[in-house]
Every structure is written in structure tokens, then in C-alpha cells.
Amino acid sequence: MAAQDAYEQYKLDRLIFVPAAQAPLKPNDVQSSPEDRMAMLSAAIEWDRRFEVSDYELRRGGVSYTIDSARHFRALYPQDDLYWIIGGDQLPKLHLWKDIGELSSLVEFIFLERPGYPVKASPMSPGLRLHRCDGHLLAISSTELRDRVKRDLALDYFVPHKSIVYIKQKQLYR
């Protein structure tokens, strides 16, 4: 839903999901294999031509730095305006991102508020271009969803159906 909100509000030509191999600021957050995460994401959006999935960070492996992916997509799409969509909870941490100065010259950021994480002023990096997306505020976290699976609670209405089927078939997050 957040992707759709950003896509519509900013009239994007395409939206590419990029699952991280390992987020640098969340060293213990990987809960499933790269193949499983890629398959779940692909299943979730396969019917929607507005969205694509890139396995760039998963193929690279190791810690996934946004700057590396931004360089990759800038090389693929040299004439396009590039946006990186983040949760508003990341704004106070942006100054910690690797090579944020260069990153700011490669992409503009679209941020979405998350319930429980009011957007706060953050240390600004020179050239940082921020755009707020007024979308639907959803209080759903990946941690909560994994916990629902462990407790054998339904994921219906939280996760696309085909991803739920995949999670059940592979018995993920148990």
C-alpha cells in the first residue's frame, strides 16, 4: 500500500523493490533466505505492472548500502529522476547512511510516515532532497508479521495472498 501511495502521489513511471541482503543499521534483521524473500516479494506484486523487483542487492550479498544501489540504478537509468522511498522513521538516521552526500546527488528521498514514529527534524546533509508522501498510515511491522506466524495467527489482510501461500508452503518464520 505504501508503494502504491508513493507511485500515485509522485506519478512515478515505475517502482522497483530492492530487498536488502543485509541492512547495515539492522545487523540481526535477516529472518529468511534471499531466495525466499525474493520469491515472496515477486509473488506479492507479479500481477501489478507498475512494480518490479530487483535482485541487485541480494546477488551482491553482504551488507547492502543504498549508495551502491543508487550508483547501479543511476548507471541503468542515466536520464531518469531517481527516488528512494523510505519510512519516516529513517529520517533521523539519514546522516548515518554511507556516503550520504553523494547519495543525495544521485537520488531524491520520498518518505512515508509510520504510526508511532512521528517525523522529527533530522540532521540535514547538504543537497538532501526530501519529499513527504501523504499516504495511508499502517501500523504493521515485519517483526509483528513474523510474530503472527510464530503464534499461528492469520496474515490475511496484512500480506498479499500469494505471499501468505508461499510462507505457509515453506513454513517460514516458525
C-alpha atoms as a PDB file:
ATOM      1  CA  MET A   1       0.000   0.000   0.000  1.00  0.00           C
ATOM      2  CA  ALA A   2       2.864   2.386   0.794  1.00  0.00           C
ATOM      3  CA  ALA A   3       4.429   1.677  -2.607  1.00  0.00           C
ATOM      4  CA  GLN A   4       1.131   2.378  -4.322  1.00  0.00           C
ATOM      5  CA  ASP A   5       0.721   5.628  -2.373  1.00  0.00           C
ATOM      6  CA  ALA A   6       4.182   6.864  -3.421  1.00  0.00           C
ATOM      7  CA  TYR A   7       3.690   5.696  -7.011  1.00  0.00           C
ATOM      8  CA  GLU A   8       0.398   7.564  -7.339  1.00  0.00           C
ATOM      9  CA  GLN A   9       1.262  10.739  -5.445  1.00  0.00           C
ATOM     10  CA  TYR A  10       4.533  11.307  -7.305  1.00  0.00           C
ATOM     11  CA  LYS A  11       3.310   9.967 -10.665  1.00  0.00           C
ATOM     12  CA  LEU A  12       6.254   7.600 -10.947  1.00  0.00           C
ATOM     13  CA  ASP A  13       6.910   5.721 -14.200  1.00  0.00           C
ATOM     14  CA  ARG A  14       7.872   2.559 -12.342  1.00  0.00           C
ATOM     15  CA  LEU A  15       8.636   1.449  -8.834  1.00  0.00           C
ATOM     16  CA  ILE A  16      11.381  -1.079  -8.212  1.00  0.00           C
ATOM     17  CA  PHE A  17      11.519  -3.016  -4.953  1.00  0.00           C
ATOM     18  CA  VAL A  18      15.088  -3.759  -3.842  1.00  0.00           C
ATOM     19  CA  PRO A  19      15.292  -6.276  -0.985  1.00  0.00           C
ATOM     20  CA  ALA A  20      18.475  -5.839   1.010  1.00  0.00           C
ATOM     21  CA  ALA A  21      20.895  -8.690   1.528  1.00  0.00           C
ATOM     22  CA  GLN A  22      21.776  -7.230   4.948  1.00  0.00           C
ATOM     23  CA  ALA A  23      20.731  -3.771   6.134  1.00  0.00           C
ATOM     24  CA  PRO A  24      23.755  -2.032   7.720  1.00  0.00           C
ATOM     25  CA  LEU A  25      21.762  -0.433  10.546  1.00  0.00           C
ATOM     26  CA  LYS A  26      19.845  -3.668  11.312  1.00  0.00           C
ATOM     27  CA  PRO A  27      22.587  -6.323  11.556  1.00  0.00           C
ATOM     28  CA  ASN A  28      20.363  -9.038  13.055  1.00  0.00           C
ATOM     29  CA  ASP A  29      17.216  -8.459  10.996  1.00  0.00           C
ATOM     30  CA  VAL A  30      17.524 -11.116   8.255  1.00  0.00           C
ATOM     31  CA  GLN A  31      14.928 -13.789   9.038  1.00  0.00           C
ATOM     32  CA  SER A  32      14.678 -15.724   5.764  1.00  0.00           C
ATOM     33  CA  SER A  33      16.890 -16.667   2.844  1.00  0.00           C
ATOM     34  CA  PRO A  34      17.448 -14.291  -0.085  1.00  0.00           C
ATOM     35  CA  GLU A  35      15.644 -16.761  -2.361  1.00  0.00           C
ATOM     36  CA  ASP A  36      12.608 -16.866  -0.074  1.00  0.00           C
ATOM     37  CA  ARG A  37      12.442 -13.074   0.299  1.00  0.00           C
ATOM     38  CA  MET A  38      12.745 -12.609  -3.461  1.00  0.00           C
ATOM     39  CA  ALA A  39      10.022 -15.205  -4.094  1.00  0.00           C
ATOM     40  CA  MET A  40       7.626 -13.662  -1.543  1.00  0.00           C
ATOM     41  CA  LEU A  41       8.080 -10.183  -2.973  1.00  0.00           C
ATOM     42  CA  SER A  42       7.708 -11.414  -6.553  1.00  0.00           C
ATOM     43  CA  ALA A  43       4.540 -13.295  -5.629  1.00  0.00           C
ATOM     44  CA  ALA A  44       3.118 -10.212  -3.929  1.00  0.00           C
ATOM     45  CA  ILE A  45       3.455  -7.941  -6.951  1.00  0.00           C
ATOM     46  CA  GLU A  46       3.582 -10.226 -10.010  1.00  0.00           C
ATOM     47  CA  TRP A  47       0.157  -9.129 -11.217  1.00  0.00           C
ATOM     48  CA  ASP A  48       0.889  -5.386 -10.968  1.00  0.00           C
ATOM     49  CA  ARG A  49       2.763  -3.991 -13.980  1.00  0.00           C
ATOM     50  CA  ARG A  50       3.608  -0.771 -12.116  1.00  0.00           C
ATOM     51  CA  PHE A  51       6.003  -2.644  -9.854  1.00  0.00           C
ATOM     52  CA  GLU A  52       9.226  -4.574 -10.429  1.00  0.00           C
ATOM     53  CA  VAL A  53      11.686  -6.416  -8.196  1.00  0.00           C
ATOM     54  CA  SER A  54      15.452  -6.129  -8.468  1.00  0.00           C
ATOM     55  CA  ASP A  55      17.691  -8.795  -7.004  1.00  0.00           C
ATOM     56  CA  TYR A  56      20.723  -6.495  -7.275  1.00  0.00           C
ATOM     57  CA  GLU A  57      21.470  -6.303  -3.529  1.00  0.00           C
ATOM     58  CA  LEU A  58      20.716  -9.986  -2.947  1.00  0.00           C
ATOM     59  CA  ARG A  59      23.104 -11.014  -5.743  1.00  0.00           C
ATOM     60  CA  ARG A  60      25.841  -8.752  -4.355  1.00  0.00           C
ATOM     61  CA  GLY A  61      25.423 -10.222  -0.897  1.00  0.00           C
ATOM     62  CA  GLY A  62      26.973  -8.828   2.233  1.00  0.00           C
ATOM     63  CA  VAL A  63      25.919  -5.522   3.730  1.00  0.00           C
ATOM     64  CA  SER A  64      23.596  -3.584   1.415  1.00  0.00           C
ATOM     65  CA  TYR A  65      24.463   0.086   1.206  1.00  0.00           C
ATOM     66  CA  THR A  66      21.968   2.330  -0.555  1.00  0.00           C
ATOM     67  CA  ILE A  67      24.793   4.252  -2.224  1.00  0.00           C
ATOM     68  CA  ASP A  68      25.869   1.120  -4.129  1.00  0.00           C
ATOM     69  CA  SER A  69      22.340   0.508  -5.366  1.00  0.00           C
ATOM     70  CA  ALA A  70      21.875   4.179  -6.260  1.00  0.00           C
ATOM     71  CA  ARG A  71      25.059   4.054  -8.364  1.00  0.00           C
ATOM     72  CA  HIS A  72      23.776   0.872 -10.026  1.00  0.00           C
ATOM     73  CA  PHE A  73      20.381   2.370 -10.888  1.00  0.00           C
ATOM     74  CA  ARG A  74      21.924   5.674 -11.984  1.00  0.00           C
ATOM     75  CA  ALA A  75      24.053   3.705 -14.479  1.00  0.00           C
ATOM     76  CA  LEU A  76      20.955   1.814 -15.695  1.00  0.00           C
ATOM     77  CA  TYR A  77      18.788   4.926 -15.941  1.00  0.00           C
ATOM     78  CA  PRO A  78      21.160   7.863 -16.533  1.00  0.00           C
ATOM     79  CA  GLN A  79      18.458  10.285 -17.726  1.00  0.00           C
ATOM     80  CA  ASP A  80      15.766   9.485 -15.142  1.00  0.00           C
ATOM     81  CA  ASP A  81      14.906  11.222 -11.892  1.00  0.00           C
ATOM     82  CA  LEU A  82      15.560   8.627  -9.186  1.00  0.00           C
ATOM     83  CA  TYR A  83      13.709   8.486  -5.886  1.00  0.00           C
ATOM     84  CA  TRP A  84      14.457   6.308  -2.870  1.00  0.00           C
ATOM     85  CA  ILE A  85      11.385   5.559  -0.771  1.00  0.00           C
ATOM     86  CA  ILE A  86      11.917   5.251   2.968  1.00  0.00           C
ATOM     87  CA  GLY A  87       9.886   5.193   6.148  1.00  0.00           C
ATOM     88  CA  GLY A  88       9.801   8.446   8.081  1.00  0.00           C
ATOM     89  CA  ASP A  89      11.462   6.602  10.962  1.00  0.00           C
ATOM     90  CA  GLN A  90      14.658   6.603   8.854  1.00  0.00           C
ATOM     91  CA  LEU A  91      14.887  10.417   8.556  1.00  0.00           C
ATOM     92  CA  PRO A  92      16.782  10.916  11.849  1.00  0.00           C
ATOM     93  CA  LYS A  93      19.257   8.232  10.708  1.00  0.00           C
ATOM     94  CA  LEU A  94      19.926   9.511   7.177  1.00  0.00           C
ATOM     95  CA  HIS A  95      23.071  11.352   8.246  1.00  0.00           C
ATOM     96  CA  LEU A  96      24.487   7.932   9.252  1.00  0.00           C
ATOM     97  CA  TRP A  97      23.997   6.414   5.795  1.00  0.00           C
ATOM     98  CA  LYS A  98      27.172   5.625   3.893  1.00  0.00           C
ATOM     99  CA  ASP A  99      28.268   8.443   1.545  1.00  0.00           C
ATOM    100  CA  ILE A 100      25.062  10.409   2.190  1.00  0.00           C
ATOM    101  CA  GLY A 101      26.476  13.454   0.356  1.00  0.00           C
ATOM    102  CA  GLU A 102      26.981  11.523  -2.865  1.00  0.00           C
ATOM    103  CA  LEU A 103      23.736   9.625  -2.345  1.00  0.00           C
ATOM    104  CA  SER A 104      21.879  12.947  -2.094  1.00  0.00           C
ATOM    105  CA  SER A 105      23.221  13.909  -5.503  1.00  0.00           C
ATOM    106  CA  LEU A 106      22.012  10.626  -7.070  1.00  0.00           C
ATOM    107  CA  VAL A 107      18.502  10.288  -5.624  1.00  0.00           C
ATOM    108  CA  GLU A 108      15.715  12.255  -4.034  1.00  0.00           C
ATOM    109  CA  PHE A 109      14.011  10.748  -0.998  1.00  0.00           C
ATOM    110  CA  ILE A 110      10.295  10.140  -0.631  1.00  0.00           C
ATOM    111  CA  PHE A 111       9.403   9.434   2.981  1.00  0.00           C
ATOM    112  CA  LEU A 112       6.257   7.914   4.394  1.00  0.00           C
ATOM    113  CA  GLU A 113       5.199   8.378   7.975  1.00  0.00           C
ATOM    114  CA  ARG A 114       4.839   5.293  10.117  1.00  0.00           C
ATOM    115  CA  PRO A 115       2.438   5.187  13.062  1.00  0.00           C
ATOM    116  CA  GLY A 116       4.333   5.502  16.310  1.00  0.00           C
ATOM    117  CA  TYR A 117       7.257   7.206  14.587  1.00  0.00           C
ATOM    118  CA  PRO A 118       6.357  10.869  14.217  1.00  0.00           C
ATOM    119  CA  VAL A 119       8.588  12.576  11.670  1.00  0.00           C
ATOM    120  CA  LYS A 120      11.236  14.549  13.515  1.00  0.00           C
ATOM    121  CA  ALA A 121      13.732  17.042  12.243  1.00  0.00           C
ATOM    122  CA  SER A 122      16.910  15.265  11.302  1.00  0.00           C
ATOM    123  CA  PRO A 123      20.482  16.414  10.882  1.00  0.00           C
ATOM    124  CA  MET A 124      20.465  17.581   7.292  1.00  0.00           C
ATOM    125  CA  SER A 125      23.116  16.715   4.778  1.00  0.00           C
ATOM    126  CA  PRO A 126      23.900  19.282   2.095  1.00  0.00           C
ATOM    127  CA  GLY A 127      21.839  18.710  -1.027  1.00  0.00           C
ATOM    128  CA  LEU A 128      19.378  16.321   0.639  1.00  0.00           C
ATOM    129  CA  ARG A 129      16.080  16.439  -1.261  1.00  0.00           C
ATOM    130  CA  LEU A 130      13.121  15.190   0.782  1.00  0.00           C
ATOM    131  CA  HIS A 131       9.511  14.716  -0.324  1.00  0.00           C
ATOM    132  CA  ARG A 132       6.729  13.705   2.034  1.00  0.00           C
ATOM    133  CA  CYS A 133       4.221  11.131   0.825  1.00  0.00           C
ATOM    134  CA  ASP A 134       0.785  11.593   2.311  1.00  0.00           C
ATOM    135  CA  GLY A 135      -0.313   8.009   2.229  1.00  0.00           C
ATOM    136  CA  HIS A 136      -2.191   5.554   4.331  1.00  0.00           C
ATOM    137  CA  LEU A 137      -0.630   5.165   7.751  1.00  0.00           C
ATOM    138  CA  LEU A 138      -0.287   1.474   8.537  1.00  0.00           C
ATOM    139  CA  ALA A 139       0.898   0.211  11.894  1.00  0.00           C
ATOM    140  CA  ILE A 140       2.307  -3.033  10.517  1.00  0.00           C
ATOM    141  CA  SER A 141       5.922  -4.062  11.014  1.00  0.00           C
ATOM    142  CA  SER A 142       7.792  -7.040   9.630  1.00  0.00           C
ATOM    143  CA  THR A 143       8.588  -8.029  13.222  1.00  0.00           C
ATOM    144  CA  GLU A 144       4.878  -8.120  14.055  1.00  0.00           C
ATOM    145  CA  LEU A 145       4.112 -10.193  10.961  1.00  0.00           C
ATOM    146  CA  ARG A 146       6.811 -12.757  11.761  1.00  0.00           C
ATOM    147  CA  ASP A 147       5.458 -12.942  15.316  1.00  0.00           C
ATOM    148  CA  ARG A 148       1.944 -13.574  13.982  1.00  0.00           C
ATOM    149  CA  VAL A 149       3.285 -16.554  12.011  1.00  0.00           C
ATOM    150  CA  LYS A 150       5.076 -17.922  15.088  1.00  0.00           C
ATOM    151  CA  ARG A 151       1.859 -17.638  17.083  1.00  0.00           C
ATOM    152  CA  ASP A 152      -0.137 -19.258  14.242  1.00  0.00           C
ATOM    153  CA  LEU A 153      -2.262 -16.141  13.679  1.00  0.00           C
ATOM    154  CA  ALA A 154      -3.613 -15.210  10.255  1.00  0.00           C
ATOM    155  CA  LEU A 155      -1.707 -12.896   7.908  1.00  0.00           C
ATOM    156  CA  ASP A 156      -4.823 -12.221   5.837  1.00  0.00           C
ATOM    157  CA  TYR A 157      -5.379  -8.521   5.109  1.00  0.00           C
ATOM    158  CA  PHE A 158      -1.805  -7.767   6.209  1.00  0.00           C
ATOM    159  CA  VAL A 159       0.139  -9.524   3.425  1.00  0.00           C
ATOM    160  CA  PRO A 160      -0.752 -10.288  -0.220  1.00  0.00           C
ATOM    161  CA  HIS A 161      -2.366 -13.706  -0.529  1.00  0.00           C
ATOM    162  CA  LYS A 162       0.272 -15.274  -2.790  1.00  0.00           C
ATOM    163  CA  SER A 163       2.978 -14.336  -0.276  1.00  0.00           C
ATOM    164  CA  ILE A 164       0.949 -15.956   2.508  1.00  0.00           C
ATOM    165  CA  VAL A 165       0.704 -19.153   0.456  1.00  0.00           C
ATOM    166  CA  TYR A 166       4.489 -19.110  -0.063  1.00  0.00           C
ATOM    167  CA  ILE A 167       5.165 -18.556   3.665  1.00  0.00           C
ATOM    168  CA  LYS A 168       2.898 -21.490   4.561  1.00  0.00           C
ATOM    169  CA  GLN A 169       4.355 -23.815   1.899  1.00  0.00           C
ATOM    170  CA  LYS A 170       7.931 -23.102   3.019  1.00  0.00           C
ATOM    171  CA  GLN A 171       6.999 -22.974   6.710  1.00  0.00           C
ATOM    172  CA  LEU A 172       8.895 -19.710   7.143  1.00  0.00           C
ATOM    173  CA  TYR A 173       9.235 -17.802  10.424  1.00  0.00           C
ATOM    174  CA  ARG A 174       8.267 -20.755  12.600  1.00  0.00           C
END
